[in-house]
Protein backbone atom coordinates (compact mmCIF):
# COMPACT_ATOMS: atom_id res chain seq x y z
CA UNK A 1 0.00 0.00 0.00
CA UNK A 2 2.64 2.62 0.01
CA UNK A 3 2.58 5.59 -2.15
CA UNK A 4 5.06 7.11 -4.40
CA UNK A 5 7.01 10.28 -4.07
CA UNK A 6 4.19 12.23 -5.73
CA UNK A 7 1.82 11.42 -2.92
CA UNK A 8 4.38 12.38 -0.28
CA UNK A 9 4.96 15.71 -1.98
CA UNK A 10 1.20 16.41 -2.18
CA UNK A 11 0.76 15.65 1.52
CA UNK A 12 3.67 17.93 2.41
CA UNK A 13 2.19 20.78 0.34
CA UNK A 14 -1.19 20.32 2.04
CA UNK A 15 0.35 20.39 5.54
CA UNK A 16 2.37 23.49 4.68
CA UNK A 17 -0.75 25.25 3.32
CA UNK A 18 -2.71 24.46 6.50
CA UNK A 19 0.20 25.70 8.61
CA UNK A 20 0.37 28.97 6.66
CA UNK A 21 -3.40 29.49 6.94
CA UNK A 22 -3.24 28.93 10.68
CA UNK A 23 -0.48 31.51 11.05
CA UNK A 24 -2.48 33.99 8.94
CA UNK A 25 -5.37 33.73 11.37
CA UNK A 26 -3.22 35.13 14.13
CA UNK A 27 -2.13 32.24 16.21
CA UNK A 28 0.05 32.42 19.32
CA UNK A 29 3.45 34.00 19.60
CA UNK A 30 4.90 37.25 18.30
CA UNK A 31 3.89 36.62 14.68
CA UNK A 32 0.28 35.91 15.67
CA UNK A 33 0.17 38.98 17.86
CA UNK A 34 1.20 41.13 14.91
CA UNK A 35 -1.53 39.59 12.75
CA UNK A 36 -4.19 40.10 15.45
CA UNK A 37 -3.37 43.74 16.10
CA UNK A 38 -4.86 46.40 13.86
CA UNK A 39 -3.00 49.34 12.42
CA UNK A 40 -3.45 52.93 13.62
CA UNK A 41 -6.04 53.88 10.99
CA UNK A 42 -8.47 51.31 12.39
CA UNK A 43 -8.00 52.72 15.91
CA UNK A 44 -8.43 56.28 14.66
CA UNK A 45 -11.65 55.36 12.86
CA UNK A 46 -13.04 53.68 15.97
CA UNK A 47 -12.22 56.72 18.11
CA UNK A 48 -13.83 59.07 15.56
CA UNK A 49 -16.97 56.92 15.49
CA UNK A 50 -17.27 56.93 19.29
CA UNK A 51 -16.79 60.71 19.44
CA UNK A 52 -19.44 61.22 16.73
CA UNK A 53 -21.91 59.08 18.67
CA UNK A 54 -21.14 61.06 21.83
CA UNK A 55 -21.74 64.34 19.99
CA UNK A 56 -25.09 63.07 18.69
CA UNK A 57 -26.10 62.00 22.19
CA UNK A 58 -25.17 65.40 23.65
CA UNK A 59 -27.11 67.20 20.91
CA UNK A 60 -30.23 65.11 21.61
CA UNK A 61 -29.95 65.86 25.32
CA UNK A 62 -29.50 69.59 24.64
CA UNK A 63 -32.59 69.68 22.40
CA UNK A 64 -34.58 67.75 24.99
CA UNK A 65 -33.59 70.19 27.75
CA UNK A 66 -34.44 73.11 25.47
CA UNK A 67 -37.92 71.70 24.82
CA UNK A 68 -38.49 71.05 28.52
CA UNK A 69 -37.43 74.61 29.38
CA UNK A 70 -39.79 76.01 26.73
CA UNK A 71 -42.66 73.90 28.05
CA UNK A 72 -41.90 75.04 31.60
CA UNK A 73 -41.88 78.71 30.54
CA UNK A 74 -45.20 78.21 28.76
CA UNK A 75 -46.71 76.52 31.82
CA UNK A 76 -45.54 79.38 34.06
CA UNK A 77 -47.01 81.93 31.66
CA UNK A 78 -50.34 80.10 31.57
CA UNK A 79 -50.36 79.77 35.34
CA UNK A 80 -49.67 83.47 35.72
CA UNK A 81 -52.46 84.43 33.33
CA UNK A 82 -54.86 81.99 35.00
CA UNK A 83 -53.96 83.40 38.39
CA UNK A 84 -54.76 86.96 37.31
CA UNK A 85 -58.09 85.92 35.85
CA UNK A 86 -58.99 83.96 38.98
CA UNK A 87 -58.39 86.98 41.22
CA UNK A 88 -61.31 88.78 39.69
CA UNK A 89 -59.62 90.97 37.09
CA UNK A 90 -60.35 90.02 33.52
CA UNK A 91 -57.15 91.45 32.10
CA UNK A 92 -58.01 90.85 28.45
CA UNK A 93 -61.35 92.63 28.70
CA UNK A 94 -59.85 95.45 30.77
CA UNK A 95 -57.04 95.92 28.26
CA UNK A 96 -59.55 95.96 25.41
CA UNK A 97 -61.66 98.63 27.16
CA UNK A 98 -58.55 100.65 27.89
CA UNK A 99 -57.50 100.52 24.24
CA UNK A 100 -60.97 101.52 23.08
CA UNK A 101 -61.02 104.47 25.48
CA UNK A 102 -57.56 105.58 24.34
CA UNK A 103 -58.60 105.32 20.69
CA UNK A 104 -61.77 107.34 21.33
CA UNK A 105 -59.78 110.01 23.18
CA UNK A 106 -57.25 110.19 20.33
CA UNK A 107 -60.05 110.45 17.80
CA UNK A 108 -61.71 113.18 19.82
CA UNK A 109 -58.43 115.08 20.09
CA UNK A 110 -57.85 114.84 16.35
CA UNK A 111 -61.43 115.63 15.34
CA UNK A 112 -62.20 118.27 17.93
CA UNK A 113 -65.15 116.36 19.42
CA UNK A 114 -65.26 116.06 23.20
CA UNK A 115 -63.76 112.93 24.69
CA UNK A 116 -66.31 110.36 25.86
CA UNK A 117 -66.99 110.27 29.58
CA UNK A 118 -66.04 107.19 31.54
CA UNK A 119 -68.93 105.17 32.86
CA UNK A 120 -68.52 104.13 36.44
CA UNK A 121 -71.05 102.16 38.38
CA UNK A 122 -71.19 103.32 41.99
CA UNK A 123 -70.26 100.71 44.53
CA UNK A 124 -73.53 101.22 46.39
CA UNK A 125 -75.54 100.47 43.24
CA UNK A 126 -73.47 97.33 42.59
CA UNK A 127 -74.00 96.16 46.19
CA UNK A 128 -77.75 96.82 45.94
CA UNK A 129 -77.94 94.83 42.72
CA UNK A 130 -76.11 91.96 44.40
CA UNK A 131 -78.50 92.09 47.38
CA UNK A 132 -81.53 91.96 45.09
CA UNK A 133 -80.21 88.87 43.36
CA UNK A 134 -79.53 87.08 46.67
CA UNK A 135 -82.44 85.14 48.22
CA UNK A 136 -83.75 86.26 51.58
CA UNK A 137 -82.45 84.35 54.59
CA UNK A 138 -84.91 81.95 56.22
CA UNK A 139 -87.19 83.57 58.78
CA UNK A 140 -87.36 86.89 56.92
CA UNK A 141 -90.30 87.79 54.77
CA UNK A 142 -89.54 89.03 51.30
CA UNK A 143 -91.28 92.18 50.21
CA UNK A 144 -92.96 91.83 46.87
CA UNK A 145 -93.41 94.98 44.85
CA UNK A 146 -96.97 95.48 43.68
CA UNK A 147 -97.44 96.37 40.04
CA UNK A 148 -98.49 99.92 39.31
CA UNK A 149 -102.15 100.22 38.42
CA UNK A 150 -103.66 103.20 36.68
CA UNK A 151 -107.16 104.60 37.23
CA UNK A 152 -108.79 101.95 35.00
CA UNK A 153 -107.30 99.16 37.08
CA UNK A 154 -104.98 98.06 34.27
CA UNK A 155 -101.31 97.55 34.84
């Protein structure tokens, strides 16, 4: 069963090829270490990629904080405007009346017509109107106004 020299040579070439492939994969020792290590361009690319990802992350965080700050400012503004309206002063309506009065005064000054007089409701009249709207406390008799009747007996 032996083989000739041709077979021995083929086996030797196959073993040598396997040995070379194994060394190319980065086996042990100094030669393998050199094959396993990357050159500086690979390291530089990896560092650049990490720094780009970090920059993207920081930008997203900055935008998020900016949006939160804007939402907080808007909430404060709404709370402030709600607070003023809840205290009894309708600022929008008051501002509108003020603008209308200023426009009328400017028109009167330009046209020579007298400025319109301000209408103020006396506090006593406002209190009386509020008392009329309120129901009488229990135990008190409400006075009912009788309709006016003329001489014919017709209202």
